[in-house]
C-alpha atoms as a PDB file:
ATOM      1  CA  MET A   1      -2.922  -6.535  12.806  1.00  0.00           C
ATOM      2  CA  SER A   2      -3.465  -4.438   9.765  1.00  0.00           C
ATOM      3  CA  ILE A   3      -6.594  -2.861   8.636  1.00  0.00           C
ATOM      4  CA  ALA A   4      -8.363  -3.500   5.210  1.00  0.00           C
ATOM      5  CA  TYR A   5      -8.951   0.301   4.439  1.00  0.00           C
ATOM      6  CA  PRO A   6      -6.620   2.989   3.941  1.00  0.00           C
ATOM      7  CA  VAL A   7      -6.065   5.425   6.826  1.00  0.00           C
ATOM      8  CA  ILE A   8      -7.336   8.895   6.014  1.00  0.00           C
ATOM      9  CA  LYS A   9      -6.678  12.140   7.698  1.00  0.00           C
ATOM     10  CA  ILE A  10      -9.412  14.493   8.100  1.00  0.00           C
ATOM     11  CA  ALA A  11      -9.660  17.901   9.431  1.00  0.00           C
ATOM     12  CA  VAL A  12     -12.539  19.367  11.270  1.00  0.00           C
ATOM     13  CA  THR A  13     -14.098  22.415   9.583  1.00  0.00           C
ATOM     14  CA  ILE A  14     -17.337  23.003  11.547  1.00  0.00           C
ATOM     15  CA  VAL A  15     -18.843  21.731  14.961  1.00  0.00           C
ATOM     16  CA  VAL A  16     -22.423  21.656  15.650  1.00  0.00           C
ATOM     17  CA  ALA A  17     -23.615  21.396  19.183  1.00  0.00           C
ATOM     18  CA  MET A  18     -20.771  19.095  20.336  1.00  0.00           C
ATOM     19  CA  GLU A  19     -19.212  19.774  23.844  1.00  0.00           C
ATOM     20  CA  ASN A  20     -15.971  17.822  23.429  1.00  0.00           C
ATOM     21  CA  PRO A  21     -12.998  20.262  23.368  1.00  0.00           C
ATOM     22  CA  GLU A  22     -11.011  17.743  21.136  1.00  0.00           C
ATOM     23  CA  ILE A  23     -13.563  18.402  18.441  1.00  0.00           C
ATOM     24  CA  ALA A  24     -12.735  21.901  17.161  1.00  0.00           C
ATOM     25  CA  PRO A  25     -12.310  23.489  13.885  1.00  0.00           C
ATOM     26  CA  GLY A  26      -8.952  22.820  12.835  1.00  0.00           C
ATOM     27  CA  SER A  27      -8.392  19.698  14.642  1.00  0.00           C
ATOM     28  CA  VAL A  28      -7.063  16.577  12.729  1.00  0.00           C
ATOM     29  CA  TRP A  29      -8.321  13.029  13.110  1.00  0.00           C
ATOM     30  CA  LYS A  30      -7.338   9.715  11.232  1.00  0.00           C
ATOM     31  CA  THR A  31      -9.538   6.909  10.426  1.00  0.00           C
ATOM     32  CA  GLY A  32      -9.123   3.344  11.616  1.00  0.00           C
ATOM     33  CA  ASN A  33     -11.163   0.015  11.175  1.00  0.00           C
ATOM     34  CA  LEU A  34     -14.481  -0.178   9.586  1.00  0.00           C
ATOM     35  CA  LEU A  35     -17.151  -0.592  12.439  1.00  0.00           C
ATOM     36  CA  PHE A  36     -20.311  -0.930  10.785  1.00  0.00           C
ATOM     37  CA  ARG A  37     -22.672   0.056   7.890  1.00  0.00           C
ATOM     38  CA  ALA A  38     -25.074   3.033   8.683  1.00  0.00           C
ATOM     39  CA  PRO A  39     -28.753   2.946   7.344  1.00  0.00           C
ATOM     40  CA  ALA A  40     -28.198   5.880   5.168  1.00  0.00           C
ATOM     41  CA  CYS A  41     -25.206   7.875   3.673  1.00  0.00           C
ATOM     42  CA  GLY A  42     -23.781  10.786   5.551  1.00  0.00           C
ATOM     43  CA  ARG A  43     -25.490  13.408   3.563  1.00  0.00           C
ATOM     44  CA  ASP A  44     -29.035  11.926   4.425  1.00  0.00           C
ATOM     45  CA  LEU A  45     -28.190  11.549   8.110  1.00  0.00           C
ATOM     46  CA  LEU A  46     -27.206  15.219   8.658  1.00  0.00           C
ATOM     47  CA  PRO A  47     -31.001  16.408   9.533  1.00  0.00           C
ATOM     48  CA  ARG A  48     -31.194  13.550  12.012  1.00  0.00           C
ATOM     49  CA  ILE A  49     -27.851  14.034  13.975  1.00  0.00           C
ATOM     50  CA  PRO A  50     -27.994  17.345  16.063  1.00  0.00           C
ATOM     51  CA  CYS A  51     -24.433  16.874  17.625  1.00  0.00           C
ATOM     52  CA  ARG A  52     -21.898  16.404  14.890  1.00  0.00           C
ATOM     53  CA  ALA A  53     -18.777  17.686  13.242  1.00  0.00           C
ATOM     54  CA  HIS A  54     -18.082  18.342   9.648  1.00  0.00           C
ATOM     55  CA  ALA A  55     -14.542  17.585   8.194  1.00  0.00           C
ATOM     56  CA  VAL A  56     -12.714  17.169   4.881  1.00  0.00           C
ATOM     57  CA  ASP A  57      -9.806  15.125   3.745  1.00  0.00           C
ATOM     58  CA  ALA A  58      -6.787  16.215   1.578  1.00  0.00           C
ATOM     59  CA  ARG A  59      -8.934  15.609  -1.697  1.00  0.00           C
ATOM     60  CA  GLY A  60     -11.930  17.726  -0.423  1.00  0.00           C
ATOM     61  CA  ARG A  61     -14.274  14.686   0.255  1.00  0.00           C
ATOM     62  CA  GLY A  62     -16.562  15.662   3.222  1.00  0.00           C
ATOM     63  CA  TYR A  63     -17.152  13.666   6.388  1.00  0.00           C
ATOM     64  CA  LEU A  64     -19.482  13.699   9.282  1.00  0.00           C
ATOM     65  CA  LEU A  65     -18.208  12.940  12.827  1.00  0.00           C
ATOM     66  CA  TYR A  66     -20.827  11.904  15.218  1.00  0.00           C
ATOM     67  CA  ALA A  67     -21.403   9.563  18.240  1.00  0.00           C
ATOM     68  CA  PRO A  68     -23.797   6.843  16.975  1.00  0.00           C
ATOM     69  CA  ASP A  69     -26.182   4.797  18.921  1.00  0.00           C
ATOM     70  CA  HIS A  70     -24.678   1.417  17.511  1.00  0.00           C
ATOM     71  CA  PRO A  71     -23.405  -1.473  19.833  1.00  0.00           C
ATOM     72  CA  LYS A  72     -19.973  -1.588  17.708  1.00  0.00           C
ATOM     73  CA  ALA A  73     -19.167   2.054  18.371  1.00  0.00           C
ATOM     74  CA  THR A  74     -17.792   3.183  21.710  1.00  0.00           C
ATOM     75  CA  GLY A  75     -17.068   6.688  20.771  1.00  0.00           C
ATOM     76  CA  LEU A  76     -17.211   9.018  17.628  1.00  0.00           C
ATOM     77  CA  VAL A  77     -17.087   7.631  14.048  1.00  0.00           C
ATOM     78  CA  SER A  78     -16.375   9.087  10.799  1.00  0.00           C
ATOM     79  CA  GLN A  79     -18.750   8.705   7.872  1.00  0.00           C
ATOM     80  CA  ALA A  80     -18.150  10.112   4.463  1.00  0.00           C
ATOM     81  CA  LEU A  81     -20.995  12.298   3.205  1.00  0.00           C
ATOM     82  CA  ASP A  82     -21.412  10.054   0.080  1.00  0.00           C
ATOM     83  CA  SER A  83     -21.120   6.513   1.845  1.00  0.00           C
ATOM     84  CA  CYS A  84     -22.778   4.412   4.542  1.00  0.00           C
ATOM     85  CA  TYR A  85     -19.729   3.019   6.113  1.00  0.00           C
ATOM     86  CA  CYS A  86     -18.500   4.131   9.503  1.00  0.00           C
ATOM     87  CA  PHE A  87     -15.001   4.102  10.595  1.00  0.00           C
ATOM     88  CA  GLU A  88     -13.231   4.563  14.059  1.00  0.00           C
ATOM     89  CA  ILE A  89     -11.388   7.763  14.412  1.00  0.00           C
ATOM     90  CA  PHE A  90      -8.336   8.899  16.586  1.00  0.00           C
ATOM     91  CA  SER A  91      -7.174  12.258  17.332  1.00  0.00           C
ATOM     92  CA  LEU A  92      -3.964  13.415  16.011  1.00  0.00           C
ATOM     93  CA  ALA A  93      -3.498  16.084  18.686  1.00  0.00           C
ATOM     94  CA  PRO A  94       0.000  17.473  19.022  1.00  0.00           C
END
């Protein structure tokens, strides 16, 4: 099965109040399938999400990584700061 969206590699730059050792500055993740549409773009959600990580892709686009309270998400999701769409993410650990 293929996904309908391109796979994007993102690198974590900042971690805020997350206690997951996999989420650390410099860790690299890749996006997967689209999971759901958030009620607001990532930039607008920042003040409402106390435990989060910030990441960037190769083009400098900013992303928010967080664990949403949504039935379609079973872990962390990636959401671009300028988008409402949330994607599953996978660690690219060595």
